[in-house]
Amino acid sequence: MLLSALLGSSVSGIFSVNRRIASSDQFFRGSRMR
């Protein structure tokens, strides 16, 4: 139970971090294009 909860929270955290990196990467690309 506790292990699965930890796994789920870590997976969701990784997904949120990936989303931040992707959004910031797109933003930097857009500024470069301009």
Protein backbone atom coordinates (compact mmCIF):
# COMPACT_ATOMS: atom_id res chain seq x y z
CA MET A 1 0.00 0.00 0.00
CA LEU A 2 2.60 2.54 1.10
CA LEU A 3 4.98 1.52 -1.68
CA SER A 4 2.33 1.91 -4.37
CA ALA A 5 1.36 5.35 -2.99
CA LEU A 6 5.01 6.46 -3.10
CA LEU A 7 5.35 5.13 -6.64
CA GLY A 8 2.23 6.98 -7.78
CA SER A 9 3.34 10.29 -6.25
CA SER A 10 6.82 10.00 -7.77
CA VAL A 11 5.36 9.20 -11.21
CA SER A 12 3.00 12.19 -11.06
CA GLY A 13 5.89 14.41 -9.94
CA ILE A 14 8.03 13.25 -12.87
CA PHE A 15 5.16 13.94 -15.28
CA SER A 16 4.69 17.47 -13.90
CA VAL A 17 8.43 18.15 -14.19
CA ASN A 18 8.43 16.86 -17.78
CA ARG A 19 5.54 19.20 -18.59
CA ARG A 20 7.44 22.18 -17.15
CA ILE A 21 10.57 21.30 -19.13
CA ALA A 22 8.57 20.86 -22.35
CA SER A 23 6.73 24.19 -21.89
CA SER A 24 9.96 26.06 -21.10
CA ASP A 25 11.66 24.40 -24.10
CA GLN A 26 8.84 25.53 -26.40
CA PHE A 27 9.05 29.05 -24.95
CA PHE A 28 12.82 29.25 -25.57
CA ARG A 29 12.34 27.93 -29.12
CA GLY A 30 9.69 30.57 -29.79
CA SER A 31 11.94 33.37 -28.52
CA ARG A 32 14.77 32.08 -30.73
CA MET A 33 12.51 31.99 -33.78
CA ARG A 34 11.52 35.62 -33.19
